[in-house]
Every structure is written in C-alpha cells, then in structure tokens.
C-alpha cells in the first residue's frame, strides 16, 4: 500500500502527482500487463539479446 503524507497547505494536485510518480516506480501496472500473456522463455531470451545488441550498436555509434 502506498502512503503519501500530505504537508500542511500542500496543493492536492501536487500530492496526486507525487502519488502517480510513486505508483509508476513500483511497476505495478507493468507487472499486471506482463502477467496477462505468457511469453515463452526462448522468446524472452531472444528479446533480451536483441535489446543488448541494440544498446551495443548505440554505444558503438557514439564512439566513432
């Protein structure tokens, strides 16, 4: 459960913004979406390798 202490005189919009930011950091929505569909381990590994290759390509492009 998320607890957001509200300071005296704090705007409700600002407190709501802090709540949304904290909620995003917990990754609850991402986890729920990931659980909706099963992804085979081989597909997960393939995506992981593709992501690593993409990042490596980006780093190589910055060096030259």
PDB file of N, CA and C in Angstrom:
ATOM      1  N   UNK A   1       0.836  -1.174   0.000  1.00  0.00           N
ATOM      2  CA  UNK A   1       0.000   0.000   0.000  1.00  0.00           C
ATOM      3  C   UNK A   1       0.882   1.238   0.000  1.00  0.00           C
ATOM      4  N   UNK A   2       0.548   2.179  -0.847  1.00  0.00           N
ATOM      5  CA  UNK A   2       1.308   3.416  -0.929  1.00  0.00           C
ATOM      6  C   UNK A   2       0.768   4.437   0.059  1.00  0.00           C
ATOM      7  N   UNK A   3       1.672   5.077   0.770  1.00  0.00           N
ATOM      8  CA  UNK A   3       1.289   6.119   1.710  1.00  0.00           C
ATOM      9  C   UNK A   3       1.965   7.404   1.269  1.00  0.00           C
ATOM     10  N   UNK A   4       1.165   8.430   1.045  1.00  0.00           N
ATOM     11  CA  UNK A   4       1.675   9.729   0.627  1.00  0.00           C
ATOM     12  C   UNK A   4       1.307  10.738   1.712  1.00  0.00           C
ATOM     13  N   UNK A   5       2.285  11.146   2.523  1.00  0.00           N
ATOM     14  CA  UNK A   5       1.964  12.155   3.533  1.00  0.00           C
ATOM     15  C   UNK A   5       1.749  13.519   2.867  1.00  0.00           C
ATOM     16  N   UNK A   6       0.659  14.178   3.207  1.00  0.00           N
ATOM     17  CA  UNK A   6       0.357  15.495   2.640  1.00  0.00           C
ATOM     18  C   UNK A   6       0.775  16.552   3.652  1.00  0.00           C
ATOM     19  N   UNK A   7       1.583  17.487   3.179  1.00  0.00           N
ATOM     20  CA  UNK A   7       2.077  18.551   4.053  1.00  0.00           C
ATOM     21  C   UNK A   7       1.009  19.624   4.225  1.00  0.00           C
ATOM     22  N   UNK A   8       1.135  20.409   5.277  1.00  0.00           N
ATOM     23  CA  UNK A   8       0.171  21.484   5.525  1.00  0.00           C
ATOM     24  C   UNK A   8       0.201  22.492   4.389  1.00  0.00           C
ATOM     25  N   UNK A   9      -0.956  22.786   3.853  1.00  0.00           N
ATOM     26  CA  UNK A   9      -1.063  23.776   2.794  1.00  0.00           C
ATOM     27  C   UNK A   9      -0.626  23.276   1.427  1.00  0.00           C
ATOM     28  N   UNK A  10      -0.385  21.980   1.302  1.00  0.00           N
ATOM     29  CA  UNK A  10       0.055  21.444   0.013  1.00  0.00           C
ATOM     30  C   UNK A  10      -1.139  21.301  -0.932  1.00  0.00           C
ATOM     31  N   UNK A  11      -0.907  21.655  -2.164  1.00  0.00           N
ATOM     32  CA  UNK A  11      -1.941  21.557  -3.187  1.00  0.00           C
ATOM     33  C   UNK A  11      -2.256  20.078  -3.445  1.00  0.00           C
ATOM     34  N   UNK A  12      -3.531  19.765  -3.627  1.00  0.00           N
ATOM     35  CA  UNK A  12      -3.943  18.374  -3.851  1.00  0.00           C
ATOM     36  C   UNK A  12      -3.400  17.857  -5.180  1.00  0.00           C
ATOM     37  N   UNK A  13      -3.273  18.739  -6.170  1.00  0.00           N
ATOM     38  CA  UNK A  13      -2.721  18.327  -7.459  1.00  0.00           C
ATOM     39  C   UNK A  13      -1.271  17.883  -7.323  1.00  0.00           C
ATOM     40  N   UNK A  14      -0.533  18.590  -6.484  1.00  0.00           N
ATOM     41  CA  UNK A  14       0.882  18.244  -6.269  1.00  0.00           C
ATOM     42  C   UNK A  14       1.002  16.888  -5.551  1.00  0.00           C
ATOM     43  N   UNK A  15       0.132  16.667  -4.572  1.00  0.00           N
ATOM     44  CA  UNK A  15       0.143  15.398  -3.846  1.00  0.00           C
ATOM     45  C   UNK A  15      -0.255  14.249  -4.772  1.00  0.00           C
ATOM     46  N   UNK A  16      -1.220  14.495  -5.650  1.00  0.00           N
ATOM     47  CA  UNK A  16      -1.645  13.481  -6.613  1.00  0.00           C
ATOM     48  C   UNK A  16      -0.515  13.156  -7.583  1.00  0.00           C
ATOM     49  N   UNK A  17       0.217  14.173  -7.979  1.00  0.00           N
ATOM     50  CA  UNK A  17       1.364  13.975  -8.878  1.00  0.00           C
ATOM     51  C   UNK A  17       2.432  13.119  -8.198  1.00  0.00           C
ATOM     52  N   UNK A  18       2.684  13.373  -6.908  1.00  0.00           N
ATOM     53  CA  UNK A  18       3.649  12.551  -6.168  1.00  0.00           C
ATOM     54  C   UNK A  18       3.178  11.107  -6.068  1.00  0.00           C
ATOM     55  N   UNK A  19       1.866  10.929  -5.854  1.00  0.00           N
ATOM     56  CA  UNK A  19       1.304   9.578  -5.774  1.00  0.00           C
ATOM     57  C   UNK A  19       1.490   8.841  -7.095  1.00  0.00           C
ATOM     58  N   UNK A  20       1.181   9.503  -8.205  1.00  0.00           N
ATOM     59  CA  UNK A  20       1.308   8.873  -9.517  1.00  0.00           C
ATOM     60  C   UNK A  20       2.759   8.494  -9.801  1.00  0.00           C
ATOM     61  N   UNK A  21       3.691   9.360  -9.449  1.00  0.00           N
ATOM     62  CA  UNK A  21       5.111   9.088  -9.667  1.00  0.00           C
ATOM     63  C   UNK A  21       5.558   7.875  -8.843  1.00  0.00           C
ATOM     64  N   UNK A  22       5.127   7.840  -7.594  1.00  0.00           N
ATOM     65  CA  UNK A  22       5.486   6.732  -6.715  1.00  0.00           C
ATOM     66  C   UNK A  22       4.873   5.424  -7.213  1.00  0.00           C
ATOM     67  N   UNK A  23       3.631   5.501  -7.699  1.00  0.00           N
ATOM     68  CA  UNK A  23       2.939   4.330  -8.227  1.00  0.00           C
ATOM     69  C   UNK A  23       3.652   3.804  -9.471  1.00  0.00           C
ATOM     70  N   UNK A  24       4.105   4.695 -10.335  1.00  0.00           N
ATOM     71  CA  UNK A  24       4.832   4.277 -11.537  1.00  0.00           C
ATOM     72  C   UNK A  24       6.145   3.583 -11.177  1.00  0.00           C
ATOM     73  N   UNK A  25       6.812   4.071 -10.145  1.00  0.00           N
ATOM     74  CA  UNK A  25       8.095   3.475  -9.745  1.00  0.00           C
ATOM     75  C   UNK A  25       7.933   2.060  -9.198  1.00  0.00           C
ATOM     76  N   UNK A  26       6.785   1.758  -8.624  1.00  0.00           N
ATOM     77  CA  UNK A  26       6.584   0.410  -8.094  1.00  0.00           C
ATOM     78  C   UNK A  26       6.451  -0.616  -9.218  1.00  0.00           C
ATOM     79  N   UNK A  27       6.012  -0.189 -10.402  1.00  0.00           N
ATOM     80  CA  UNK A  27       5.915  -1.095 -11.546  1.00  0.00           C
ATOM     81  C   UNK A  27       4.721  -2.025 -11.496  1.00  0.00           C
ATOM     82  N   UNK A  28       3.681  -1.648 -10.767  1.00  0.00           N
ATOM     83  CA  UNK A  28       2.508  -2.499 -10.624  1.00  0.00           C
ATOM     84  C   UNK A  28       1.796  -2.713 -11.953  1.00  0.00           C
ATOM     85  N   UNK A  29       1.601  -1.645 -12.706  1.00  0.00           N
ATOM     86  CA  UNK A  29       0.879  -1.752 -13.978  1.00  0.00           C
ATOM     87  C   UNK A  29       1.672  -2.590 -14.973  1.00  0.00           C
ATOM     88  N   UNK A  30       2.981  -2.373 -15.006  1.00  0.00           N
ATOM     89  CA  UNK A  30       3.839  -3.156 -15.914  1.00  0.00           C
ATOM     90  C   UNK A  30       3.760  -4.635 -15.578  1.00  0.00           C
ATOM     91  N   UNK A  31       3.764  -4.944 -14.300  1.00  0.00           N
ATOM     92  CA  UNK A  31       3.698  -6.333 -13.864  1.00  0.00           C
ATOM     93  C   UNK A  31       2.363  -6.970 -14.241  1.00  0.00           C
ATOM     94  N   UNK A  32       1.272  -6.224 -14.079  1.00  0.00           N
ATOM     95  CA  UNK A  32      -0.043  -6.739 -14.443  1.00  0.00           C
ATOM     96  C   UNK A  32      -0.130  -7.018 -15.940  1.00  0.00           C
ATOM     97  N   UNK A  33       0.391  -6.118 -16.748  1.00  0.00           N
ATOM     98  CA  UNK A  33       0.353  -6.312 -18.197  1.00  0.00           C
ATOM     99  C   UNK A  33       1.221  -7.495 -18.615  1.00  0.00           C
ATOM    100  N   UNK A  34       2.335  -7.684 -17.940  1.00  0.00           N
ATOM    101  CA  UNK A  34       3.218  -8.799 -18.270  1.00  0.00           C
ATOM    102  C   UNK A  34       2.560 -10.137 -17.924  1.00  0.00           C
ATOM    103  N   UNK A  35       1.739 -10.153 -16.899  1.00  0.00           N
ATOM    104  CA  UNK A  35       1.091 -11.399 -16.481  1.00  0.00           C
ATOM    105  C   UNK A  35      -0.122 -11.757 -17.333  1.00  0.00           C
ATOM    106  N   UNK A  36      -0.603 -10.830 -18.151  1.00  0.00           N
ATOM    107  CA  UNK A  36      -1.781 -11.103 -18.962  1.00  0.00           C
ATOM    108  C   UNK A  36      -1.516 -12.156 -20.026  1.00  0.00           C
ATOM    109  N   UNK A  37      -0.298 -12.183 -20.539  1.00  0.00           N
ATOM    110  CA  UNK A  37       0.022 -13.137 -21.604  1.00  0.00           C
ATOM    111  C   UNK A  37       1.326 -13.842 -21.253  1.00  0.00           C
ATOM    112  N   UNK A  38       1.365 -15.149 -21.475  1.00  0.00           N
ATOM    113  CA  UNK A  38       2.568 -15.924 -21.203  1.00  0.00           C
ATOM    114  C   UNK A  38       3.546 -15.752 -22.360  1.00  0.00           C
ATOM    115  N   UNK A  39       4.781 -15.477 -22.016  1.00  0.00           N
ATOM    116  CA  UNK A  39       5.844 -15.360 -23.023  1.00  0.00           C
ATOM    117  C   UNK A  39       6.831 -16.495 -22.786  1.00  0.00           C
ATOM    118  N   UNK A  40       7.078 -17.264 -23.836  1.00  0.00           N
ATOM    119  CA  UNK A  40       7.975 -18.406 -23.703  1.00  0.00           C
ATOM    120  C   UNK A  40       9.383 -17.926 -23.334  1.00  0.00           C
ATOM    121  N   UNK A  41      10.126 -18.736 -22.563  1.00  0.00           N
ATOM    122  CA  UNK A  41      11.486 -18.351 -22.185  1.00  0.00           C
ATOM    123  C   UNK A  41      12.397 -18.099 -23.382  1.00  0.00           C
ATOM    124  N   UNK A  42      12.200 -18.868 -24.464  1.00  0.00           N
ATOM    125  CA  UNK A  42      13.043 -18.661 -25.643  1.00  0.00           C
ATOM    126  C   UNK A  42      12.783 -17.288 -26.272  1.00  0.00           C
ATOM    127  N   UNK A  43      11.523 -16.850 -26.237  1.00  0.00           N
ATOM    128  CA  UNK A  43      11.189 -15.534 -26.779  1.00  0.00           C
ATOM    129  C   UNK A  43      11.749 -14.440 -25.879  1.00  0.00           C
ATOM    130  N   UNK A  44      11.678 -14.640 -24.553  1.00  0.00           N
ATOM    131  CA  UNK A  44      12.250 -13.670 -23.617  1.00  0.00           C
ATOM    132  C   UNK A  44      13.746 -13.514 -23.866  1.00  0.00           C
ATOM    133  N   UNK A  45      14.445 -14.657 -24.053  1.00  0.00           N
ATOM    134  CA  UNK A  45      15.884 -14.605 -24.296  1.00  0.00           C
ATOM    135  C   UNK A  45      16.196 -13.893 -25.606  1.00  0.00           C
ATOM    136  N   UNK A  46      15.381 -14.152 -26.633  1.00  0.00           N
ATOM    137  CA  UNK A  46      15.602 -13.508 -27.925  1.00  0.00           C
ATOM    138  C   UNK A  46      15.439 -11.991 -27.807  1.00  0.00           C
ATOM    139  N   UNK A  47      14.411 -11.565 -27.078  1.00  0.00           N
ATOM    140  CA  UNK A  47      14.191 -10.125 -26.875  1.00  0.00           C
ATOM    141  C   UNK A  47      15.348  -9.509 -26.093  1.00  0.00           C
ATOM    142  N   UNK A  48      15.824 -10.231 -25.090  1.00  0.00           N
ATOM    143  CA  UNK A  48      16.939  -9.752 -24.275  1.00  0.00           C
ATOM    144  C   UNK A  48      18.201  -9.574 -25.124  1.00  0.00           C
ATOM    145  N   UNK A  49      18.475 -10.539 -26.000  1.00  0.00           N
ATOM    146  CA  UNK A  49      19.651 -10.463 -26.877  1.00  0.00           C
ATOM    147  C   UNK A  49      19.496  -9.319 -27.871  1.00  0.00           C
ATOM    148  N   UNK A  50      18.300  -9.139 -28.414  1.00  0.00           N
ATOM    149  CA  UNK A  50      18.067  -8.037 -29.355  1.00  0.00           C
ATOM    150  C   UNK A  50      18.253  -6.688 -28.677  1.00  0.00           C
ATOM    151  N   UNK A  51      17.785  -6.577 -27.447  1.00  0.00           N
ATOM    152  CA  UNK A  51      17.944  -5.327 -26.710  1.00  0.00           C
ATOM    153  C   UNK A  51      19.418  -5.033 -26.438  1.00  0.00           C
ATOM    154  N   UNK A  52      20.169  -6.069 -26.055  1.00  0.00           N
ATOM    155  CA  UNK A  52      21.597  -5.899 -25.791  1.00  0.00           C
ATOM    156  C   UNK A  52      22.332  -5.485 -27.069  1.00  0.00           C
ATOM    157  N   UNK A  53      21.965  -6.091 -28.203  1.00  0.00           N
ATOM    158  CA  UNK A  53      22.601  -5.736 -29.473  1.00  0.00           C
ATOM    159  C   UNK A  53      22.271  -4.291 -29.852  1.00  0.00           C
ATOM    160  N   UNK A  54      21.042  -3.876 -29.608  1.00  0.00           N
ATOM    161  CA  UNK A  54      20.635  -2.509 -29.914  1.00  0.00           C
ATOM    162  C   UNK A  54      21.435  -1.514 -29.075  1.00  0.00           C
ATOM    163  N   UNK A  55      21.564  -1.794 -27.787  1.00  0.00           N
ATOM    164  CA  UNK A  55      22.302  -0.902 -26.897  1.00  0.00           C
ATOM    165  C   UNK A  55      23.776  -0.867 -27.296  1.00  0.00           C
ATOM    166  N   UNK A  56      24.333  -2.014 -27.638  1.00  0.00           N
ATOM    167  CA  UNK A  56      25.734  -2.065 -28.070  1.00  0.00           C
ATOM    168  C   UNK A  56      25.921  -1.270 -29.354  1.00  0.00           C
ATOM    169  N   UNK A  57      24.957  -1.363 -30.267  1.00  0.00           N
ATOM    170  CA  UNK A  57      25.036  -0.610 -31.516  1.00  0.00           C
ATOM    171  C   UNK A  57      24.982   0.889 -31.242  1.00  0.00           C
ATOM    172  N   UNK A  58      24.155   1.288 -30.290  1.00  0.00           N
ATOM    173  CA  UNK A  58      24.060   2.706 -29.938  1.00  0.00           C
ATOM    174  C   UNK A  58      25.378   3.206 -29.349  1.00  0.00           C
ATOM    175  N   UNK A  59      25.998   2.406 -28.493  1.00  0.00           N
ATOM    176  CA  UNK A  59      27.278   2.799 -27.885  1.00  0.00           C
ATOM    177  C   UNK A  59      28.383   2.868 -28.912  1.00  0.00           C
ATOM    178  N   UNK A  60      28.383   1.930 -29.872  1.00  0.00           N
ATOM    179  CA  UNK A  60      29.387   1.939 -30.921  1.00  0.00           C
ATOM    180  C   UNK A  60      29.245   3.180 -31.804  1.00  0.00           C
ATOM    181  N   UNK A  61      28.023   3.606 -32.029  1.00  0.00           N
ATOM    182  CA  UNK A  61      27.776   4.786 -32.845  1.00  0.00           C
ATOM    183  C   UNK A  61      28.258   6.058 -32.172  1.00  0.00           C
ATOM    184  N   UNK A  62      28.221   6.091 -30.845  1.00  0.00           N
ATOM    185  CA  UNK A  62      28.677   7.274 -30.109  1.00  0.00           C
ATOM    186  C   UNK A  62      30.194   7.384 -30.086  1.00  0.00           C
ATOM    187  N   UNK A  63      30.877   6.267 -30.121  1.00  0.00           N
ATOM    188  CA  UNK A  63      32.333   6.266 -30.017  1.00  0.00           C
ATOM    189  C   UNK A  63      33.002   6.789 -31.289  1.00  0.00           C
ATOM    190  N   UNK A  64      32.423   6.540 -32.435  1.00  0.00           N
ATOM    191  CA  UNK A  64      33.082   6.955 -33.669  1.00  0.00           C
ATOM    192  C   UNK A  64      32.824   8.390 -34.027  1.00  0.00           C
TER     193      UNK A  64
END
